[in-house]
Amino acid sequence: MIPVGNVDLSGKTATPIGVVFAVVKKPTLLHPNPTQKQADMVLAHKAKLLGADAVINVTYKRGIVYDSWAQIKAEGTAIRIEQAAPNEP
């Protein structure tokens, strides 16, 4: 699973690949409300398709729109993580 949100980059370098988006909707009143975890799963899937190792700088927006009882929109930056080169003496 690709980590989404707070990712420890200590001693590593991150190369941005691109921005990924997710929208999770509640189609009817009887369905459960969408969760941040569901949005994270969509972001992770889309980032994996880009060859990313993680998603950082994630923002969430919740609301009600004309075609859904509730929704969460999420946006983040897909990154590739590389080990930092060791310091040479």
PDB file of N, CA and C in Angstrom:
ATOM      1  N   MET A   1       0.843  -1.182   0.000  1.00  0.00           N
ATOM      2  CA  MET A   1       0.000   0.000   0.000  1.00  0.00           C
ATOM      3  C   MET A   1       0.888   1.246   0.000  1.00  0.00           C
ATOM      4  N   ILE A   2       0.550   2.180  -0.812  1.00  0.00           N
ATOM      5  CA  ILE A   2       1.288   3.440  -0.896  1.00  0.00           C
ATOM      6  C   ILE A   2       0.845   4.361   0.233  1.00  0.00           C
ATOM      7  N   PRO A   3       1.789   4.892   1.030  1.00  0.00           N
ATOM      8  CA  PRO A   3       1.393   5.803   2.104  1.00  0.00           C
ATOM      9  C   PRO A   3       0.849   7.114   1.553  1.00  0.00           C
ATOM     10  N   VAL A   4      -0.162   7.635   2.249  1.00  0.00           N
ATOM     11  CA  VAL A   4      -0.809   8.888   1.852  1.00  0.00           C
ATOM     12  C   VAL A   4      -0.827   9.817   3.060  1.00  0.00           C
ATOM     13  N   GLY A   5      -0.396  11.057   2.864  1.00  0.00           N
ATOM     14  CA  GLY A   5      -0.437  12.043   3.943  1.00  0.00           C
ATOM     15  C   GLY A   5       0.926  12.283   4.532  1.00  0.00           C
ATOM     16  N   ASN A   6       1.064  12.010   5.837  1.00  0.00           N
ATOM     17  CA  ASN A   6       2.332  12.223   6.528  1.00  0.00           C
ATOM     18  C   ASN A   6       3.287  11.081   6.206  1.00  0.00           C
ATOM     19  N   VAL A   7       4.324  11.400   5.475  1.00  0.00           N
ATOM     20  CA  VAL A   7       5.307  10.399   5.059  1.00  0.00           C
ATOM     21  C   VAL A   7       6.675  10.838   5.585  1.00  0.00           C
ATOM     22  N   ASP A   8       7.362   9.937   6.268  1.00  0.00           N
ATOM     23  CA  ASP A   8       8.691  10.245   6.809  1.00  0.00           C
ATOM     24  C   ASP A   8       9.714  10.198   5.678  1.00  0.00           C
ATOM     25  N   LEU A   9      10.271  11.347   5.368  1.00  0.00           N
ATOM     26  CA  LEU A   9      11.270  11.433   4.301  1.00  0.00           C
ATOM     27  C   LEU A   9      12.669  11.684   4.853  1.00  0.00           C
ATOM     28  N   SER A  10      12.896  11.366   6.119  1.00  0.00           N
ATOM     29  CA  SER A  10      14.200  11.577   6.754  1.00  0.00           C
ATOM     30  C   SER A  10      15.288  10.817   6.003  1.00  0.00           C
ATOM     31  N   GLY A  11      16.315  11.530   5.595  1.00  0.00           N
ATOM     32  CA  GLY A  11      17.440  10.915   4.907  1.00  0.00           C
ATOM     33  C   GLY A  11      17.132  10.461   3.491  1.00  0.00           C
ATOM     34  N   LYS A  12      16.049  10.941   2.942  1.00  0.00           N
ATOM     35  CA  LYS A  12      15.644  10.533   1.596  1.00  0.00           C
ATOM     36  C   LYS A  12      15.333  11.773   0.765  1.00  0.00           C
ATOM     37  N   THR A  13      15.324  11.593  -0.537  1.00  0.00           N
ATOM     38  CA  THR A  13      14.908  12.678  -1.423  1.00  0.00           C
ATOM     39  C   THR A  13      13.617  12.262  -2.117  1.00  0.00           C
ATOM     40  N   ALA A  14      12.785  13.244  -2.377  1.00  0.00           N
ATOM     41  CA  ALA A  14      11.496  12.984  -3.023  1.00  0.00           C
ATOM     42  C   ALA A  14      11.439  13.730  -4.341  1.00  0.00           C
ATOM     43  N   THR A  15      11.048  13.018  -5.383  1.00  0.00           N
ATOM     44  CA  THR A  15      10.880  13.615  -6.701  1.00  0.00           C
ATOM     45  C   THR A  15       9.392  13.639  -7.033  1.00  0.00           C
ATOM     46  N   PRO A  16       8.810  14.833  -7.224  1.00  0.00           N
ATOM     47  CA  PRO A  16       7.390  14.887  -7.574  1.00  0.00           C
ATOM     48  C   PRO A  16       7.131  14.278  -8.944  1.00  0.00           C
ATOM     49  N   ILE A  17       6.061  13.520  -9.058  1.00  0.00           N
ATOM     50  CA  ILE A  17       5.675  12.914 -10.329  1.00  0.00           C
ATOM     51  C   ILE A  17       4.488  13.659 -10.926  1.00  0.00           C
ATOM     52  N   GLY A  18       3.535  14.001 -10.078  1.00  0.00           N
ATOM     53  CA  GLY A  18       2.353  14.708 -10.558  1.00  0.00           C
ATOM     54  C   GLY A  18       1.298  14.807  -9.477  1.00  0.00           C
ATOM     55  N   VAL A  19       0.245  15.506  -9.794  1.00  0.00           N
ATOM     56  CA  VAL A  19      -0.874  15.689  -8.859  1.00  0.00           C
ATOM     57  C   VAL A  19      -1.904  14.596  -9.118  1.00  0.00           C
ATOM     58  N   VAL A  20      -2.432  14.024  -8.033  1.00  0.00           N
ATOM     59  CA  VAL A  20      -3.488  13.020  -8.140  1.00  0.00           C
ATOM     60  C   VAL A  20      -4.742  13.539  -7.439  1.00  0.00           C
ATOM     61  N   PHE A  21      -5.893  13.176  -7.991  1.00  0.00           N
ATOM     62  CA  PHE A  21      -7.180  13.623  -7.472  1.00  0.00           C
ATOM     63  C   PHE A  21      -8.059  12.424  -7.149  1.00  0.00           C
ATOM     64  N   ALA A  22      -8.946  12.606  -6.181  1.00  0.00           N
ATOM     65  CA  ALA A  22      -9.927  11.572  -5.840  1.00  0.00           C
ATOM     66  C   ALA A  22     -11.239  12.245  -5.470  1.00  0.00           C
ATOM     67  N   VAL A  23     -12.338  11.623  -5.879  1.00  0.00           N
ATOM     68  CA  VAL A  23     -13.664  12.065  -5.466  1.00  0.00           C
ATOM     69  C   VAL A  23     -14.423  10.819  -5.020  1.00  0.00           C
ATOM     70  N   VAL A  24     -14.899  10.840  -3.784  1.00  0.00           N
ATOM     71  CA  VAL A  24     -15.687   9.735  -3.240  1.00  0.00           C
ATOM     72  C   VAL A  24     -17.059  10.307  -2.885  1.00  0.00           C
ATOM     73  N   LYS A  25     -18.121   9.692  -3.434  1.00  0.00           N
ATOM     74  CA  LYS A  25     -19.475  10.232  -3.258  1.00  0.00           C
ATOM     75  C   LYS A  25     -20.391   9.280  -2.501  1.00  0.00           C
ATOM     76  N   LYS A  26     -21.412   9.868  -1.919  1.00  0.00           N
ATOM     77  CA  LYS A  26     -22.512   9.136  -1.292  1.00  0.00           C
ATOM     78  C   LYS A  26     -23.676   9.213  -2.268  1.00  0.00           C
ATOM     79  N   PRO A  27     -23.960   8.130  -2.997  1.00  0.00           N
ATOM     80  CA  PRO A  27     -24.952   8.214  -4.068  1.00  0.00           C
ATOM     81  C   PRO A  27     -26.398   8.395  -3.606  1.00  0.00           C
ATOM     82  N   THR A  28     -26.749   7.852  -2.439  1.00  0.00           N
ATOM     83  CA  THR A  28     -28.125   8.007  -1.942  1.00  0.00           C
ATOM     84  C   THR A  28     -28.092   8.315  -0.455  1.00  0.00           C
ATOM     85  N   LEU A  29     -29.218   8.716   0.063  1.00  0.00           N
ATOM     86  CA  LEU A  29     -29.334   9.031   1.485  1.00  0.00           C
ATOM     87  C   LEU A  29     -29.049   7.812   2.346  1.00  0.00           C
ATOM     88  N   LEU A  30     -29.343   6.624   1.835  1.00  0.00           N
ATOM     89  CA  LEU A  30     -29.185   5.396   2.615  1.00  0.00           C
ATOM     90  C   LEU A  30     -27.757   4.861   2.655  1.00  0.00           C
ATOM     91  N   HIS A  31     -26.894   5.323   1.775  1.00  0.00           N
ATOM     92  CA  HIS A  31     -25.495   4.893   1.773  1.00  0.00           C
ATOM     93  C   HIS A  31     -24.738   5.588   2.907  1.00  0.00           C
ATOM     94  N   PRO A  32     -23.670   4.954   3.409  1.00  0.00           N
ATOM     95  CA  PRO A  32     -22.859   5.625   4.441  1.00  0.00           C
ATOM     96  C   PRO A  32     -22.105   6.817   3.844  1.00  0.00           C
ATOM     97  N   ASN A  33     -21.761   7.764   4.709  1.00  0.00           N
ATOM     98  CA  ASN A  33     -20.998   8.921   4.258  1.00  0.00           C
ATOM     99  C   ASN A  33     -19.614   8.480   3.798  1.00  0.00           C
ATOM    100  N   PRO A  34     -19.078   9.124   2.777  1.00  0.00           N
ATOM    101  CA  PRO A  34     -17.721   8.789   2.325  1.00  0.00           C
ATOM    102  C   PRO A  34     -16.715   9.143   3.417  1.00  0.00           C
ATOM    103  N   THR A  35     -15.610   8.410   3.433  1.00  0.00           N
ATOM    104  CA  THR A  35     -14.603   8.638   4.461  1.00  0.00           C
ATOM    105  C   THR A  35     -13.280   9.097   3.855  1.00  0.00           C
ATOM    106  N   GLN A  36     -12.460   9.676   4.699  1.00  0.00           N
ATOM    107  CA  GLN A  36     -11.132  10.100   4.273  1.00  0.00           C
ATOM    108  C   GLN A  36     -10.315   8.884   3.874  1.00  0.00           C
ATOM    109  N   LYS A  37     -10.506   7.763   4.557  1.00  0.00           N
ATOM    110  CA  LYS A  37      -9.782   6.535   4.227  1.00  0.00           C
ATOM    111  C   LYS A  37     -10.105   6.077   2.806  1.00  0.00           C
ATOM    112  N   GLN A  38     -11.379   6.193   2.393  1.00  0.00           N
ATOM    113  CA  GLN A  38     -11.753   5.826   1.025  1.00  0.00           C
ATOM    114  C   GLN A  38     -11.057   6.738   0.011  1.00  0.00           C
ATOM    115  N   ALA A  39     -11.009   8.035   0.316  1.00  0.00           N
ATOM    116  CA  ALA A  39     -10.331   8.982  -0.573  1.00  0.00           C
ATOM    117  C   ALA A  39      -8.843   8.660  -0.658  1.00  0.00           C
ATOM    118  N   ASP A  40      -8.237   8.289   0.487  1.00  0.00           N
ATOM    119  CA  ASP A  40      -6.817   7.928   0.500  1.00  0.00           C
ATOM    120  C   ASP A  40      -6.555   6.698  -0.364  1.00  0.00           C
ATOM    121  N   MET A  41      -7.471   5.737  -0.329  1.00  0.00           N
ATOM    122  CA  MET A  41      -7.307   4.528  -1.141  1.00  0.00           C
ATOM    123  C   MET A  41      -7.324   4.857  -2.630  1.00  0.00           C
ATOM    124  N   VAL A  42      -8.195   5.785  -3.036  1.00  0.00           N
ATOM    125  CA  VAL A  42      -8.256   6.193  -4.445  1.00  0.00           C
ATOM    126  C   VAL A  42      -6.972   6.933  -4.823  1.00  0.00           C
ATOM    127  N   LEU A  43      -6.509   7.839  -3.942  1.00  0.00           N
ATOM    128  CA  LEU A  43      -5.257   8.559  -4.222  1.00  0.00           C
ATOM    129  C   LEU A  43      -4.095   7.578  -4.360  1.00  0.00           C
ATOM    130  N   ALA A  44      -4.015   6.601  -3.453  1.00  0.00           N
ATOM    131  CA  ALA A  44      -2.920   5.619  -3.500  1.00  0.00           C
ATOM    132  C   ALA A  44      -2.965   4.819  -4.796  1.00  0.00           C
ATOM    133  N   HIS A  45      -4.158   4.420  -5.212  1.00  0.00           N
ATOM    134  CA  HIS A  45      -4.295   3.655  -6.457  1.00  0.00           C
ATOM    135  C   HIS A  45      -3.830   4.472  -7.663  1.00  0.00           C
ATOM    136  N   LYS A  46      -4.266   5.714  -7.736  1.00  0.00           N
ATOM    137  CA  LYS A  46      -3.875   6.564  -8.866  1.00  0.00           C
ATOM    138  C   LYS A  46      -2.380   6.856  -8.850  1.00  0.00           C
ATOM    139  N   ALA A  47      -1.809   7.038  -7.657  1.00  0.00           N
ATOM    140  CA  ALA A  47      -0.371   7.284  -7.550  1.00  0.00           C
ATOM    141  C   ALA A  47       0.419   6.049  -7.986  1.00  0.00           C
ATOM    142  N   LYS A  48      -0.061   4.870  -7.617  1.00  0.00           N
ATOM    143  CA  LYS A  48       0.611   3.629  -8.010  1.00  0.00           C
ATOM    144  C   LYS A  48       0.645   3.491  -9.524  1.00  0.00           C
ATOM    145  N   LEU A  49      -0.429   3.890 -10.195  1.00  0.00           N
ATOM    146  CA  LEU A  49      -0.478   3.833 -11.660  1.00  0.00           C
ATOM    147  C   LEU A  49       0.577   4.746 -12.292  1.00  0.00           C
ATOM    148  N   LEU A  50       0.956   5.799 -11.573  1.00  0.00           N
ATOM    149  CA  LEU A  50       1.985   6.725 -12.066  1.00  0.00           C
ATOM    150  C   LEU A  50       3.397   6.262 -11.711  1.00  0.00           C
ATOM    151  N   GLY A  51       3.511   5.191 -10.913  1.00  0.00           N
ATOM    152  CA  GLY A  51       4.817   4.710 -10.489  1.00  0.00           C
ATOM    153  C   GLY A  51       5.334   5.401  -9.244  1.00  0.00           C
ATOM    154  N   ALA A  52       4.446   5.987  -8.459  1.00  0.00           N
ATOM    155  CA  ALA A  52       4.840   6.714  -7.255  1.00  0.00           C
ATOM    156  C   ALA A  52       5.027   5.770  -6.073  1.00  0.00           C
ATOM    157  N   ASP A  53       5.757   6.273  -5.064  1.00  0.00           N
ATOM    158  CA  ASP A  53       5.978   5.535  -3.820  1.00  0.00           C
ATOM    159  C   ASP A  53       5.120   6.066  -2.679  1.00  0.00           C
ATOM    160  N   ALA A  54       4.611   7.303  -2.811  1.00  0.00           N
ATOM    161  CA  ALA A  54       3.824   7.921  -1.743  1.00  0.00           C
ATOM    162  C   ALA A  54       3.049   9.118  -2.298  1.00  0.00           C
ATOM    163  N   VAL A  55       2.123   9.614  -1.484  1.00  0.00           N
ATOM    164  CA  VAL A  55       1.370  10.831  -1.818  1.00  0.00           C
ATOM    165  C   VAL A  55       1.501  11.782  -0.631  1.00  0.00           C
ATOM    166  N   ILE A  56       1.946  13.009  -0.902  1.00  0.00           N
ATOM    167  CA  ILE A  56       2.131  14.001   0.159  1.00  0.00           C
ATOM    168  C   ILE A  56       1.303  15.249  -0.148  1.00  0.00           C
ATOM    169  N   ASN A  57       1.315  16.181   0.808  1.00  0.00           N
ATOM    170  CA  ASN A  57       0.603  17.465   0.671  1.00  0.00           C
ATOM    171  C   ASN A  57      -0.864  17.246   0.292  1.00  0.00           C
ATOM    172  N   VAL A  58      -1.522  16.374   1.021  1.00  0.00           N
ATOM    173  CA  VAL A  58      -2.907  16.022   0.711  1.00  0.00           C
ATOM    174  C   VAL A  58      -3.865  17.015   1.352  1.00  0.00           C
ATOM    175  N   THR A  59      -4.846  17.448   0.566  1.00  0.00           N
ATOM    176  CA  THR A  59      -5.917  18.303   1.077  1.00  0.00           C
ATOM    177  C   THR A  59      -7.253  17.627   0.801  1.00  0.00           C
ATOM    178  N   TYR A  60      -8.214  17.900   1.678  1.00  0.00           N
ATOM    179  CA  TYR A  60      -9.547  17.311   1.562  1.00  0.00           C
ATOM    180  C   TYR A  60     -10.592  18.411   1.606  1.00  0.00           C
ATOM    181  N   LYS A  61     -11.644  18.234   0.823  1.00  0.00           N
ATOM    182  CA  LYS A  61     -12.791  19.147   0.851  1.00  0.00           C
ATOM    183  C   LYS A  61     -14.045  18.291   0.924  1.00  0.00           C
ATOM    184  N   ARG A  62     -14.893  18.595   1.876  1.00  0.00           N
ATOM    185  CA  ARG A  62     -16.158  17.868   2.026  1.00  0.00           C
ATOM    186  C   ARG A  62     -17.293  18.775   1.594  1.00  0.00           C
ATOM    187  N   GLY A  63     -18.361  18.168   1.074  1.00  0.00           N
ATOM    188  CA  GLY A  63     -19.498  18.978   0.677  1.00  0.00           C
ATOM    189  C   GLY A  63     -20.642  18.149   0.148  1.00  0.00           C
ATOM    190  N   ILE A  64     -21.679  18.853  -0.205  1.00  0.00           N
ATOM    191  CA  ILE A  64     -22.855  18.252  -0.832  1.00  0.00           C
ATOM    192  C   ILE A  64     -22.986  18.898  -2.206  1.00  0.00           C
ATOM    193  N   VAL A  65     -23.163  18.076  -3.225  1.00  0.00           N
ATOM    194  CA  VAL A  65     -23.289  18.580  -4.588  1.00  0.00           C
ATOM    195  C   VAL A  65     -24.589  18.077  -5.198  1.00  0.00           C
ATOM    196  N   TYR A  66     -24.945  18.603  -6.345  1.00  0.00           N
ATOM    197  CA  TYR A  66     -26.236  18.293  -6.957  1.00  0.00           C
ATOM    198  C   TYR A  66     -26.449  16.822  -7.281  1.00  0.00           C
ATOM    199  N   ASP A  67     -25.384  16.058  -7.520  1.00  0.00           N
ATOM    200  CA  ASP A  67     -25.556  14.656  -7.895  1.00  0.00           C
ATOM    201  C   ASP A  67     -25.151  13.675  -6.790  1.00  0.00           C
ATOM    202  N   SER A  68     -25.014  14.174  -5.544  1.00  0.00           N
ATOM    203  CA  SER A  68     -24.595  13.319  -4.450  1.00  0.00           C
ATOM    204  C   SER A  68     -25.045  13.917  -3.123  1.00  0.00           C
ATOM    205  N   TRP A  69     -25.342  13.043  -2.163  1.00  0.00           N
ATOM    206  CA  TRP A  69     -25.752  13.502  -0.838  1.00  0.00           C
ATOM    207  C   TRP A  69     -24.569  14.037  -0.051  1.00  0.00           C
ATOM    208  N   ALA A  70     -23.398  13.537  -0.328  1.00  0.00           N
ATOM    209  CA  ALA A  70     -22.171  13.998   0.324  1.00  0.00           C
ATOM    210  C   ALA A  70     -20.993  13.531  -0.521  1.00  0.00           C
ATOM    211  N   GLN A  71     -19.883  14.243  -0.403  1.00  0.00           N
ATOM    212  CA  GLN A  71     -18.693  13.828  -1.133  1.00  0.00           C
ATOM    213  C   GLN A  71     -17.451  14.340  -0.438  1.00  0.00           C
ATOM    214  N   ILE A  72     -16.347  13.684  -0.734  1.00  0.00           N
ATOM    215  CA  ILE A  72     -15.024  14.144  -0.312  1.00  0.00           C
ATOM    216  C   ILE A  72     -14.177  14.239  -1.567  1.00  0.00           C
ATOM    217  N   LYS A  73     -13.560  15.405  -1.754  1.00  0.00           N
ATOM    218  CA  LYS A  73     -12.583  15.583  -2.825  1.00  0.00           C
ATOM    219  C   LYS A  73     -11.214  15.632  -2.161  1.00  0.00           C
ATOM    220  N   ALA A  74     -10.279  14.897  -2.719  1.00  0.00           N
ATOM    221  CA  ALA A  74      -8.918  14.882  -2.187  1.00  0.00           C
ATOM    222  C   ALA A  74      -7.935  15.157  -3.315  1.00  0.00           C
ATOM    223  N   GLU A  75      -6.852  15.827  -2.951  1.00  0.00           N
ATOM    224  CA  GLU A  75      -5.810  16.159  -3.917  1.00  0.00           C
ATOM    225  C   GLU A  75      -4.468  16.043  -3.222  1.00  0.00           C
ATOM    226  N   GLY A  76      -3.487  15.467  -3.904  1.00  0.00           N
ATOM    227  CA  GLY A  76      -2.160  15.344  -3.323  1.00  0.00           C
ATOM    228  C   GLY A  76      -1.100  15.239  -4.402  1.00  0.00           C
ATOM    229  N   THR A  77       0.147  15.277  -3.987  1.00  0.00           N
ATOM    230  CA  THR A  77       1.276  15.181  -4.902  1.00  0.00           C
ATOM    231  C   THR A  77       1.877  13.781  -4.823  1.00  0.00           C
ATOM    232  N   ALA A  78       1.884  13.086  -5.939  1.00  0.00           N
ATOM    233  CA  ALA A  78       2.508  11.765  -6.023  1.00  0.00           C
ATOM    234  C   ALA A  78       4.013  11.966  -6.143  1.00  0.00           C
ATOM    235  N   ILE A  79       4.775  11.205  -5.329  1.00  0.00           N
ATOM    236  CA  ILE A  79       6.234  11.352  -5.337  1.00  0.00           C
ATOM    237  C   ILE A  79       6.920   9.996  -5.464  1.00  0.00           C
ATOM    238  N   ARG A  80       8.134  10.053  -5.948  1.00  0.00           N
ATOM    239  CA  ARG A  80       9.020   8.885  -5.973  1.00  0.00           C
ATOM    240  C   ARG A  80      10.086   9.147  -4.907  1.00  0.00           C
ATOM    241  N   ILE A  81      10.308   8.179  -4.034  1.00  0.00           N
ATOM    242  CA  ILE A  81      11.256   8.336  -2.931  1.00  0.00           C
ATOM    243  C   ILE A  81      12.555   7.623  -3.279  1.00  0.00           C
ATOM    244  N   GLU A  82      13.662   8.337  -3.062  1.00  0.00           N
ATOM    245  CA  GLU A  82      14.985   7.776  -3.311  1.00  0.00           C
ATOM    246  C   GLU A  82      15.849   7.948  -2.079  1.00  0.00           C
ATOM    247  N   GLN A  83      16.702   6.996  -1.841  1.00  0.00           N
ATOM    248  CA  GLN A  83      17.626   7.111  -0.697  1.00  0.00           C
ATOM    249  C   GLN A  83      18.637   8.205  -0.992  1.00  0.00           C
ATOM    250  N   ALA A  84      18.933   8.992   0.010  1.00  0.00           N
ATOM    251  CA  ALA A  84      19.942  10.034  -0.157  1.00  0.00           C
ATOM    252  C   ALA A  84      21.323   9.383  -0.276  1.00  0.00           C
ATOM    253  N   ALA A  85      22.160   9.969  -1.088  1.00  0.00           N
ATOM    254  CA  ALA A  85      23.517   9.456  -1.268  1.00  0.00           C
ATOM    255  C   ALA A  85      24.301   9.660   0.035  1.00  0.00           C
ATOM    256  N   PRO A  86      25.088   8.670   0.448  1.00  0.00           N
ATOM    257  CA  PRO A  86      25.875   8.826   1.665  1.00  0.00           C
ATOM    258  C   PRO A  86      26.941   9.911   1.474  1.00  0.00           C
ATOM    259  N   ASN A  87      27.231  10.608   2.570  1.00  0.00           N
ATOM    260  CA  ASN A  87      28.270  11.648   2.519  1.00  0.00           C
ATOM    261  C   ASN A  87      29.622  11.004   2.363  1.00  0.00           C
ATOM    262  N   GLU A  88      30.403  11.523   1.427  1.00  0.00           N
ATOM    263  CA  GLU A  88      31.751  10.992   1.234  1.00  0.00           C
ATOM    264  C   GLU A  88      32.733  11.813   2.062  1.00  0.00           C
ATOM    265  N   PRO A  89      33.755  11.130   2.624  1.00  0.00           N
ATOM    266  CA  PRO A  89      34.734  11.858   3.468  1.00  0.00           C
ATOM    267  C   PRO A  89      35.597  12.801   2.662  1.00  0.00           C
TER     268      PRO A  89
END
